[in-house]
Protein backbone atom coordinates (compact mmCIF):
# COMPACT_ATOMS: atom_id res chain seq x y z
CA MET A 1 -48.04 1.69 -49.40
CA LEU A 2 -46.72 3.93 -46.67
CA THR A 3 -45.80 6.29 -49.06
CA ALA A 4 -49.29 6.42 -50.91
CA PHE A 5 -50.64 6.99 -47.56
CA PHE A 6 -48.37 10.04 -46.70
CA ARG A 7 -49.00 11.37 -50.17
CA SER A 8 -52.79 11.07 -49.75
CA GLU A 9 -52.78 12.51 -46.15
CA LEU A 10 -49.62 15.23 -46.51
CA ALA A 11 -51.65 17.64 -49.07
CA GLN A 12 -54.20 18.66 -46.62
CA PHE A 13 -51.59 20.63 -44.74
CA LEU A 14 -50.09 22.75 -47.40
CA THR A 15 -52.24 25.83 -46.18
CA PRO A 16 -51.35 29.20 -46.51
CA ASP A 17 -50.45 29.55 -42.86
CA LEU A 18 -48.16 26.62 -42.85
CA ASP A 19 -44.43 27.18 -41.69
CA PRO A 20 -42.11 27.78 -44.66
CA LEU A 21 -39.79 24.79 -43.52
CA GLY A 22 -43.04 22.57 -43.05
CA ARG A 23 -44.02 23.40 -46.68
CA ARG A 24 -40.62 22.45 -47.91
CA ILE A 25 -40.82 19.19 -46.05
CA ILE A 26 -44.20 18.34 -47.14
CA GLU A 27 -43.35 19.27 -50.90
CA THR A 28 -40.17 17.21 -50.76
CA VAL A 29 -42.09 14.10 -49.65
CA LEU A 30 -44.70 14.70 -52.56
CA ALA A 31 -41.76 15.32 -55.11
CA ASP A 32 -40.40 11.69 -53.74
CA GLY A 33 -37.37 13.43 -52.56
CA THR A 34 -34.20 11.87 -51.82
CA VAL A 35 -32.84 10.97 -48.46
CA GLU A 36 -30.10 13.46 -48.89
CA GLU A 37 -32.78 16.15 -50.05
CA HIS A 38 -34.69 15.66 -46.71
CA GLU A 39 -31.59 15.67 -44.68
CA ALA A 40 -30.84 18.88 -46.45
CA LEU A 41 -33.82 20.43 -44.85
CA THR A 42 -33.43 19.00 -41.53
CA PRO A 43 -29.83 20.10 -40.12
CA THR A 44 -28.46 18.26 -37.08
CA ALA A 45 -25.48 19.09 -35.05
CA HIS A 46 -22.65 16.87 -35.55
């Protein structure tokens, strides 16, 4: 249910002026990306 909500809402933010990282994050969500794929997009300090 939550996944369906995000799929229906996120596509509207895929505009030409969207930050490239934001675009990659949204595209990963829409493509059912894995946790590892999402983590690779958002590096954190260890």
